[in-house]
Amino acid sequence: MAVTTKREARKSLSQPGWITLDGGFAARPCVVQDISSAGARITADQASALPDTLRLAFARDARTGRNCQVVWRRGNSIGVRFIR
């Protein structure tokens, strides 16, 4: 018997955001293409060079945002899931 898993509903955004690294000392601009309660799809220059964990925010302030784990990479796009 096949088990189907339902994917979280994603909201299309195309909204500017910030990827912060190293506790906020390195911030890179990005575009959040879509988002759900579980994760997001992001495009950024040199996305393949980003580390496996990062912080995603809609403001440059490092105190805001969500910690993320990269789950896939394709060109300048990455998929992340939100972690605590």
C-alpha atoms as a PDB file:
ATOM      1  CA  MET A   1       0.000   0.000   0.000  1.00  0.00           C
ATOM      2  CA  ALA A   2       1.457   3.363  -1.024  1.00  0.00           C
ATOM      3  CA  VAL A   3       1.792   6.082   1.558  1.00  0.00           C
ATOM      4  CA  THR A   4       1.274   9.598   0.288  1.00  0.00           C
ATOM      5  CA  THR A   5       2.746  12.524   2.107  1.00  0.00           C
ATOM      6  CA  LYS A   6       1.079  15.863   1.673  1.00  0.00           C
ATOM      7  CA  ARG A   7       3.436  18.773   1.149  1.00  0.00           C
ATOM      8  CA  GLU A   8       2.991  21.989   3.087  1.00  0.00           C
ATOM      9  CA  ALA A   9       1.133  24.688   1.144  1.00  0.00           C
ATOM     10  CA  ARG A  10       3.629  27.205  -0.218  1.00  0.00           C
ATOM     11  CA  LYS A  11       2.981  30.895  -0.660  1.00  0.00           C
ATOM     12  CA  SER A  12       4.649  32.543  -3.643  1.00  0.00           C
ATOM     13  CA  LEU A  13       6.512  35.676  -2.501  1.00  0.00           C
ATOM     14  CA  SER A  14       9.442  36.869  -4.647  1.00  0.00           C
ATOM     15  CA  GLN A  15      10.346  39.117  -1.713  1.00  0.00           C
ATOM     16  CA  PRO A  16      13.838  40.443  -0.911  1.00  0.00           C
ATOM     17  CA  GLY A  17      15.485  38.888   2.136  1.00  0.00           C
ATOM     18  CA  TRP A  18      18.817  38.418   3.865  1.00  0.00           C
ATOM     19  CA  ILE A  19      20.908  35.335   4.513  1.00  0.00           C
ATOM     20  CA  THR A  20      23.086  35.842   7.558  1.00  0.00           C
ATOM     21  CA  LEU A  21      26.117  33.749   8.401  1.00  0.00           C
ATOM     22  CA  ASP A  22      28.567  33.634  11.285  1.00  0.00           C
ATOM     23  CA  GLY A  23      26.214  35.100  13.878  1.00  0.00           C
ATOM     24  CA  GLY A  24      25.209  37.987  11.634  1.00  0.00           C
ATOM     25  CA  PHE A  25      28.676  39.224  10.663  1.00  0.00           C
ATOM     26  CA  ALA A  26      28.194  38.205   7.039  1.00  0.00           C
ATOM     27  CA  ALA A  27      24.895  39.163   5.410  1.00  0.00           C
ATOM     28  CA  ARG A  28      24.015  38.401   1.805  1.00  0.00           C
ATOM     29  CA  PRO A  29      20.973  39.609  -0.112  1.00  0.00           C
ATOM     30  CA  CYS A  30      18.603  36.991  -1.497  1.00  0.00           C
ATOM     31  CA  VAL A  31      15.082  36.616  -2.861  1.00  0.00           C
ATOM     32  CA  VAL A  32      12.595  34.382  -1.050  1.00  0.00           C
ATOM     33  CA  GLN A  33      10.705  32.849  -3.969  1.00  0.00           C
ATOM     34  CA  ASP A  34       8.189  30.935  -1.889  1.00  0.00           C
ATOM     35  CA  ILE A  35       7.638  29.995   1.744  1.00  0.00           C
ATOM     36  CA  SER A  36       5.636  27.586   3.889  1.00  0.00           C
ATOM     37  CA  SER A  37       5.485  26.887   7.602  1.00  0.00           C
ATOM     38  CA  ALA A  38       8.200  24.248   7.115  1.00  0.00           C
ATOM     39  CA  GLY A  39      10.685  25.979   4.794  1.00  0.00           C
ATOM     40  CA  ALA A  40      11.405  28.191   1.796  1.00  0.00           C
ATOM     41  CA  ARG A  41      12.911  28.360  -1.681  1.00  0.00           C
ATOM     42  CA  ILE A  42      15.583  31.045  -1.978  1.00  0.00           C
ATOM     43  CA  THR A  43      17.661  32.401  -4.844  1.00  0.00           C
ATOM     44  CA  ALA A  44      21.002  34.092  -4.219  1.00  0.00           C
ATOM     45  CA  ASP A  45      24.301  34.705  -5.986  1.00  0.00           C
ATOM     46  CA  GLN A  46      26.698  31.838  -5.321  1.00  0.00           C
ATOM     47  CA  ALA A  47      24.024  29.820  -3.515  1.00  0.00           C
ATOM     48  CA  SER A  48      26.106  26.680  -4.019  1.00  0.00           C
ATOM     49  CA  ALA A  49      28.818  28.195  -1.785  1.00  0.00           C
ATOM     50  CA  LEU A  50      26.480  28.774   1.173  1.00  0.00           C
ATOM     51  CA  PRO A  51      26.978  26.601   4.265  1.00  0.00           C
ATOM     52  CA  ASP A  52      24.527  23.841   5.213  1.00  0.00           C
ATOM     53  CA  THR A  53      23.034  25.951   8.025  1.00  0.00           C
ATOM     54  CA  LEU A  54      22.181  29.645   7.820  1.00  0.00           C
ATOM     55  CA  ARG A  55      19.713  32.246   9.040  1.00  0.00           C
ATOM     56  CA  LEU A  56      17.010  33.719   6.782  1.00  0.00           C
ATOM     57  CA  ALA A  57      15.439  37.093   7.534  1.00  0.00           C
ATOM     58  CA  PHE A  58      13.400  39.787   5.822  1.00  0.00           C
ATOM     59  CA  ALA A  59      15.495  42.513   7.486  1.00  0.00           C
ATOM     60  CA  ARG A  60      19.273  42.840   7.656  1.00  0.00           C
ATOM     61  CA  ASP A  61      19.151  42.754  11.472  1.00  0.00           C
ATOM     62  CA  ALA A  62      20.799  39.479  12.569  1.00  0.00           C
ATOM     63  CA  ARG A  63      18.497  39.212  15.594  1.00  0.00           C
ATOM     64  CA  THR A  64      15.507  38.565  13.349  1.00  0.00           C
ATOM     65  CA  GLY A  65      14.809  35.616  11.116  1.00  0.00           C
ATOM     66  CA  ARG A  66      14.776  31.851  11.288  1.00  0.00           C
ATOM     67  CA  ASN A  67      17.540  29.273  11.452  1.00  0.00           C
ATOM     68  CA  CYS A  68      17.550  27.027   8.392  1.00  0.00           C
ATOM     69  CA  GLN A  69      19.036  23.773   7.135  1.00  0.00           C
ATOM     70  CA  VAL A  70      19.744  23.537   3.396  1.00  0.00           C
ATOM     71  CA  VAL A  71      17.973  20.470   1.981  1.00  0.00           C
ATOM     72  CA  TRP A  72      18.675  20.904  -1.758  1.00  0.00           C
ATOM     73  CA  ARG A  73      20.716  23.054  -4.153  1.00  0.00           C
ATOM     74  CA  ARG A  74      20.104  23.784  -7.858  1.00  0.00           C
ATOM     75  CA  GLY A  75      22.174  26.500  -9.501  1.00  0.00           C
ATOM     76  CA  ASN A  76      21.461  29.778  -7.695  1.00  0.00           C
ATOM     77  CA  SER A  77      18.478  28.309  -5.834  1.00  0.00           C
ATOM     78  CA  ILE A  78      18.378  26.476  -2.518  1.00  0.00           C
ATOM     79  CA  GLY A  79      15.613  24.848  -0.550  1.00  0.00           C
ATOM     80  CA  VAL A  80      15.717  25.223   3.217  1.00  0.00           C
ATOM     81  CA  ARG A  81      13.742  23.813   6.093  1.00  0.00           C
ATOM     82  CA  PHE A  82      13.268  25.816   9.238  1.00  0.00           C
ATOM     83  CA  ILE A  83      14.989  24.472  12.353  1.00  0.00           C
ATOM     84  CA  ARG A  84      14.945  25.610  15.954  1.00  0.00           C
END
